[in-house]
Amino acid sequence: MGNVAILIPLMALLIPIVAIVMTNWAKVRNRQLDIMERGGFDLGQEAEAKIAKLEARVAVLERIATDKRLTLADEINQLKG
């Protein structure tokens, strides 16, 4: 009977805490979904330039990785320089 007496006040405290946490979590999740629907966020010109540069580098690396020519070593050396 002593264990049950401890559980009743514990449950009385946990129920509102869980309700508050879940409410806040739902609000955050709704904000995330709203941001995703609007297309994310605006990066800035500097970030967009970096992304474009990285995409170009990845394209070159993909081409080199799939290229079977003998000049592969030469192209890799050009990228290092």
C-alpha atoms as a PDB file:
ATOM      1  CA  MET A   1       0.000   0.000   0.000  1.00  0.00           C
ATOM      2  CA  GLY A   2       2.977   2.336   0.649  1.00  0.00           C
ATOM      3  CA  ASN A   3       4.144   2.174  -2.975  1.00  0.00           C
ATOM      4  CA  VAL A   4       0.718   3.155  -4.286  1.00  0.00           C
ATOM      5  CA  ALA A   5       0.669   6.163  -1.973  1.00  0.00           C
ATOM      6  CA  ILE A   6       3.903   7.413  -3.570  1.00  0.00           C
ATOM      7  CA  LEU A   7       2.702   6.778  -7.141  1.00  0.00           C
ATOM      8  CA  ILE A   8      -0.442   8.900  -6.871  1.00  0.00           C
ATOM      9  CA  PRO A   9       1.336  12.248  -6.219  1.00  0.00           C
ATOM     10  CA  LEU A  10       4.060  11.293  -8.677  1.00  0.00           C
ATOM     11  CA  MET A  11       1.506  10.733 -11.430  1.00  0.00           C
ATOM     12  CA  ALA A  12      -0.248  13.956 -10.466  1.00  0.00           C
ATOM     13  CA  LEU A  13       3.012  15.813 -11.114  1.00  0.00           C
ATOM     14  CA  LEU A  14       4.027  13.924 -14.257  1.00  0.00           C
ATOM     15  CA  ILE A  15       0.782  14.344 -16.192  1.00  0.00           C
ATOM     16  CA  PRO A  16       0.972  18.175 -16.459  1.00  0.00           C
ATOM     17  CA  ILE A  17       4.705  18.063 -17.187  1.00  0.00           C
ATOM     18  CA  VAL A  18       4.200  15.624 -20.046  1.00  0.00           C
ATOM     19  CA  ALA A  19       1.295  17.705 -21.364  1.00  0.00           C
ATOM     20  CA  ILE A  20       3.431  20.882 -21.392  1.00  0.00           C
ATOM     21  CA  VAL A  21       6.339  19.143 -23.122  1.00  0.00           C
ATOM     22  CA  MET A  22       4.101  17.601 -25.775  1.00  0.00           C
ATOM     23  CA  THR A  23       2.346  20.921 -26.435  1.00  0.00           C
ATOM     24  CA  ASN A  24       5.656  22.698 -26.953  1.00  0.00           C
ATOM     25  CA  TRP A  25       6.940  19.869 -29.126  1.00  0.00           C
ATOM     26  CA  ALA A  26       3.841  20.106 -31.314  1.00  0.00           C
ATOM     27  CA  LYS A  27       4.332  23.867 -31.725  1.00  0.00           C
ATOM     28  CA  VAL A  28       7.963  23.402 -32.750  1.00  0.00           C
ATOM     29  CA  ARG A  29       7.033  20.664 -35.208  1.00  0.00           C
ATOM     30  CA  ASN A  30       4.335  22.872 -36.748  1.00  0.00           C
ATOM     31  CA  ARG A  31       6.862  25.685 -37.180  1.00  0.00           C
ATOM     32  CA  GLN A  32       9.271  23.281 -38.872  1.00  0.00           C
ATOM     33  CA  LEU A  33       6.549  22.152 -41.264  1.00  0.00           C
ATOM     34  CA  ASP A  34       5.628  25.772 -42.050  1.00  0.00           C
ATOM     35  CA  ILE A  35       9.253  26.575 -42.865  1.00  0.00           C
ATOM     36  CA  MET A  36       9.509  23.507 -45.082  1.00  0.00           C
ATOM     37  CA  GLU A  37       6.323  24.493 -46.934  1.00  0.00           C
ATOM     38  CA  ARG A  38       7.640  28.001 -47.578  1.00  0.00           C
ATOM     39  CA  GLY A  39      10.753  26.559 -49.209  1.00  0.00           C
ATOM     40  CA  GLY A  40      13.211  26.757 -46.366  1.00  0.00           C
ATOM     41  CA  PHE A  41      15.081  29.936 -45.744  1.00  0.00           C
ATOM     42  CA  ASP A  42      17.039  32.434 -47.783  1.00  0.00           C
ATOM     43  CA  LEU A  43      20.740  31.552 -47.904  1.00  0.00           C
ATOM     44  CA  GLY A  44      22.580  34.662 -48.922  1.00  0.00           C
ATOM     45  CA  GLN A  45      24.660  35.305 -51.968  1.00  0.00           C
ATOM     46  CA  GLU A  46      27.907  34.149 -50.356  1.00  0.00           C
ATOM     47  CA  ALA A  47      26.428  30.808 -49.298  1.00  0.00           C
ATOM     48  CA  GLU A  48      24.830  30.284 -52.709  1.00  0.00           C
ATOM     49  CA  ALA A  49      28.178  30.998 -54.400  1.00  0.00           C
ATOM     50  CA  LYS A  50      29.907  28.448 -52.164  1.00  0.00           C
ATOM     51  CA  ILE A  51      27.235  25.856 -52.926  1.00  0.00           C
ATOM     52  CA  ALA A  52      27.599  26.456 -56.677  1.00  0.00           C
ATOM     53  CA  LYS A  53      31.386  26.103 -56.413  1.00  0.00           C
ATOM     54  CA  LEU A  54      31.058  22.856 -54.446  1.00  0.00           C
ATOM     55  CA  GLU A  55      28.536  21.475 -56.934  1.00  0.00           C
ATOM     56  CA  ALA A  56      30.971  22.188 -59.779  1.00  0.00           C
ATOM     57  CA  ARG A  57      33.775  20.430 -57.911  1.00  0.00           C
ATOM     58  CA  VAL A  58      31.587  17.413 -57.222  1.00  0.00           C
ATOM     59  CA  ALA A  59      30.655  17.221 -60.909  1.00  0.00           C
ATOM     60  CA  VAL A  60      34.354  17.184 -61.867  1.00  0.00           C
ATOM     61  CA  LEU A  61      35.120  14.522 -59.284  1.00  0.00           C
ATOM     62  CA  GLU A  62      32.209  12.374 -60.488  1.00  0.00           C
ATOM     63  CA  ARG A  63      33.451  12.659 -64.060  1.00  0.00           C
ATOM     64  CA  ILE A  64      36.979  11.692 -63.025  1.00  0.00           C
ATOM     65  CA  ALA A  65      35.756   8.777 -60.920  1.00  0.00           C
ATOM     66  CA  THR A  66      33.796   7.328 -63.831  1.00  0.00           C
ATOM     67  CA  ASP A  67      36.422   8.120 -66.495  1.00  0.00           C
ATOM     68  CA  LYS A  68      38.476   5.162 -67.719  1.00  0.00           C
ATOM     69  CA  ARG A  69      41.004   7.088 -69.813  1.00  0.00           C
ATOM     70  CA  LEU A  70      44.760   6.954 -69.244  1.00  0.00           C
ATOM     71  CA  THR A  71      44.933  10.703 -68.571  1.00  0.00           C
ATOM     72  CA  LEU A  72      43.165  10.286 -65.259  1.00  0.00           C
ATOM     73  CA  ALA A  73      46.375  10.932 -63.301  1.00  0.00           C
ATOM     74  CA  ASP A  74      46.984  14.132 -65.276  1.00  0.00           C
ATOM     75  CA  GLU A  75      43.515  15.473 -64.487  1.00  0.00           C
ATOM     76  CA  ILE A  76      43.920  14.671 -60.808  1.00  0.00           C
ATOM     77  CA  ASN A  77      47.233  16.517 -60.756  1.00  0.00           C
ATOM     78  CA  GLN A  78      45.596  19.525 -62.426  1.00  0.00           C
ATOM     79  CA  LEU A  79      42.978  19.623 -59.688  1.00  0.00           C
ATOM     80  CA  LYS A  80      45.673  19.574 -56.997  1.00  0.00           C
ATOM     81  CA  GLY A  81      47.432  22.550 -58.546  1.00  0.00           C
END
